[in-house]
Amino acid sequence: MMKKIILCFALALITSVALCQKEKVKIIFDVTSSDTEVHKTAVRHVKGMSEAYPESEFEMVIYSGALPMMLKSESSVKTEIESLAKSDNVSLKVCAVSLKKNNATEQDLISGVGTVPDGIIEIVTKQNQGWGYIKEAN
C-alpha cells in the first residue's frame, strides 16, 4: 500500500513538473545600461529563457545608453544578437527616439534587430497586455 502511495505521489510530481515547463509566458526585457556586462547578462537571460520555453514569447527593448549594444559597429555582443534574432520566439527592438537622438539609422542596426517608435511606450503597452517585465541592470 505504501509503495502505491509513493508511486502515485511521484507520478503526480513528475506530471506537474512537466506541465509547469510547458507553461507559456510572455516577458519583455528592458535594457538601458551602457555597461557591456549588462548587455552580456541580458543576452544570456533571453537566450536561456527562449530555449527553455520555446512556446513562449520574449522581447528585448533597447534604448538610452544601451543603444551601442545593437549597433553593428559598436556591439560587444554582436554575434550573440545575430543568433538571438534568428529565434522564432524572440524580438529585439530599439527605440526610434534613441536612434534619432544618437544620429543613427535602422541601417546601423545588427541584422534582425527592429525598431519601435518609443521604447517606454512599447514596454508599458506590453505590460498592459499581460507581459512580465524584467529590468536588466547591475
Protein backbone atom coordinates (compact mmCIF):
# COMPACT_ATOMS: atom_id res chain seq x y z
CA MET A 1 0.00 0.00 0.00
CA MET A 2 2.79 2.43 0.91
CA LYS A 3 4.57 1.68 -2.40
CA LYS A 4 1.38 2.59 -4.30
CA ILE A 5 1.08 5.87 -2.43
CA ILE A 6 4.71 6.75 -3.11
CA LEU A 7 4.32 5.76 -6.77
CA CYS A 8 1.17 7.92 -7.11
CA PHE A 9 2.91 10.87 -5.45
CA ALA A 10 5.98 10.50 -7.70
CA LEU A 11 3.79 10.30 -10.81
CA ALA A 12 1.85 13.40 -9.74
CA LEU A 13 5.09 15.28 -9.08
CA ILE A 14 6.59 14.35 -12.45
CA THR A 15 3.37 15.33 -14.25
CA SER A 16 3.18 18.70 -12.51
CA VAL A 17 6.83 19.47 -13.28
CA ALA A 18 6.30 18.57 -16.94
CA LEU A 19 3.21 20.79 -17.13
CA CYS A 20 4.99 23.71 -15.48
CA GLN A 21 7.80 23.53 -18.00
CA LYS A 22 5.30 23.84 -20.85
CA GLU A 23 3.55 26.92 -19.44
CA LYS A 24 3.66 29.75 -21.94
CA VAL A 25 4.97 33.09 -20.77
CA LYS A 26 5.48 36.50 -22.35
CA ILE A 27 8.36 38.55 -20.98
CA ILE A 28 9.73 41.92 -22.01
CA PHE A 29 13.32 42.75 -21.08
CA ASP A 30 14.17 46.44 -20.57
CA VAL A 31 17.81 47.31 -21.32
CA THR A 32 19.08 50.89 -20.89
CA SER A 33 22.56 50.44 -19.43
CA SER A 34 25.74 51.28 -21.34
CA ASP A 35 27.56 48.61 -19.30
CA THR A 36 28.64 45.78 -21.61
CA GLU A 37 28.37 43.31 -18.72
CA VAL A 38 24.65 44.13 -18.53
CA HIS A 39 24.43 43.51 -22.28
CA LYS A 40 26.02 40.08 -21.88
CA THR A 41 23.73 39.22 -18.98
CA ALA A 42 20.61 40.35 -20.86
CA VAL A 43 21.54 38.23 -23.89
CA ARG A 44 22.24 35.24 -21.65
CA HIS A 45 18.86 35.62 -19.90
CA VAL A 46 16.85 35.95 -23.12
CA LYS A 47 18.72 33.08 -24.79
CA GLY A 48 18.25 30.78 -21.80
CA MET A 49 14.58 31.61 -21.35
CA SER A 50 13.76 31.34 -25.07
CA GLU A 51 15.40 27.92 -25.24
CA ALA A 52 13.77 26.67 -22.02
CA TYR A 53 10.33 27.91 -23.06
CA PRO A 54 10.17 27.59 -26.87
CA GLU A 55 6.39 28.14 -26.94
CA SER A 56 6.74 31.43 -25.07
CA GLU A 57 7.46 34.96 -26.35
CA PHE A 58 10.35 37.21 -25.38
CA GLU A 59 11.13 40.76 -26.39
CA MET A 60 14.17 42.85 -25.57
CA VAL A 61 13.68 46.62 -25.78
CA ILE A 62 16.83 48.69 -26.00
CA TYR A 63 17.05 52.44 -25.53
CA SER A 64 19.10 55.19 -23.95
CA GLY A 65 22.67 54.18 -23.06
CA ALA A 66 22.20 50.59 -24.28
CA LEU A 67 21.93 51.61 -27.96
CA PRO A 68 25.54 50.57 -28.78
CA MET A 69 24.52 47.01 -27.87
CA MET A 70 22.53 46.85 -31.12
CA LEU A 71 24.80 48.83 -33.43
CA LYS A 72 26.81 46.81 -35.96
CA SER A 73 29.90 48.95 -35.42
CA GLU A 74 29.87 49.02 -31.60
CA SER A 75 28.19 45.95 -30.13
CA SER A 76 30.15 43.80 -27.72
CA VAL A 77 27.53 41.05 -28.19
CA LYS A 78 27.02 41.27 -31.96
CA THR A 79 27.38 37.53 -32.65
CA GLU A 80 25.00 36.65 -29.83
CA ILE A 81 22.44 39.24 -31.00
CA GLU A 82 22.60 37.89 -34.57
CA SER A 83 21.91 34.42 -33.22
CA LEU A 84 19.05 35.57 -30.97
CA ALA A 85 17.48 37.49 -33.86
CA LYS A 86 17.03 34.17 -35.68
CA SER A 87 14.90 32.75 -32.84
CA ASP A 88 11.21 32.48 -33.68
CA ASN A 89 10.15 33.41 -30.16
CA VAL A 90 12.47 36.42 -29.65
CA SER A 91 12.04 40.02 -30.81
CA LEU A 92 14.82 42.57 -30.49
CA LYS A 93 13.64 46.18 -30.65
CA VAL A 94 15.42 49.51 -30.49
CA CYS A 95 13.70 52.75 -29.60
CA ALA A 96 13.48 55.03 -32.67
CA VAL A 97 13.77 58.07 -30.40
CA SER A 98 17.15 56.80 -29.15
CA LEU A 99 18.28 56.15 -32.72
CA LYS A 100 17.39 59.69 -33.76
CA LYS A 101 18.94 61.23 -30.63
CA ASN A 102 22.21 59.43 -31.43
CA ASN A 103 22.17 60.24 -35.16
CA ALA A 104 21.83 56.55 -36.02
CA THR A 105 19.52 54.82 -38.50
CA GLU A 106 17.95 51.39 -38.89
CA GLN A 107 20.76 50.55 -41.32
CA ASP A 108 23.21 50.89 -38.42
CA LEU A 109 21.49 48.09 -36.50
CA ILE A 110 22.60 44.47 -36.38
CA SER A 111 20.71 42.32 -38.86
CA GLY A 112 17.40 41.08 -37.44
CA VAL A 113 17.00 43.95 -34.96
CA GLY A 114 13.87 46.04 -35.44
CA THR A 115 12.59 49.33 -34.08
CA VAL A 116 9.65 50.62 -32.08
CA PRO A 117 8.55 54.26 -32.10
CA ASP A 118 9.21 54.69 -28.35
CA GLY A 119 10.84 52.14 -26.04
CA ILE A 120 9.00 53.16 -22.89
CA ILE A 121 5.61 53.12 -24.61
CA GLU A 122 6.43 49.67 -26.02
CA ILE A 123 7.16 48.35 -22.53
CA VAL A 124 4.03 49.89 -20.98
CA THR A 125 1.88 48.56 -23.83
CA LYS A 126 3.24 45.04 -23.39
CA GLN A 127 2.71 45.22 -19.63
CA ASN A 128 -0.91 46.28 -20.23
CA GLN A 129 -1.24 43.17 -22.43
CA GLY A 130 -0.11 40.98 -19.54
CA TRP A 131 3.58 40.61 -20.36
CA GLY A 132 6.02 40.11 -17.49
CA TYR A 133 8.70 42.78 -17.05
CA ILE A 134 12.41 42.35 -16.36
CA LYS A 135 14.75 45.33 -15.92
CA GLU A 136 18.28 44.33 -16.86
CA ALA A 137 20.74 46.23 -14.70
CA ASN A 138 23.72 45.65 -12.46
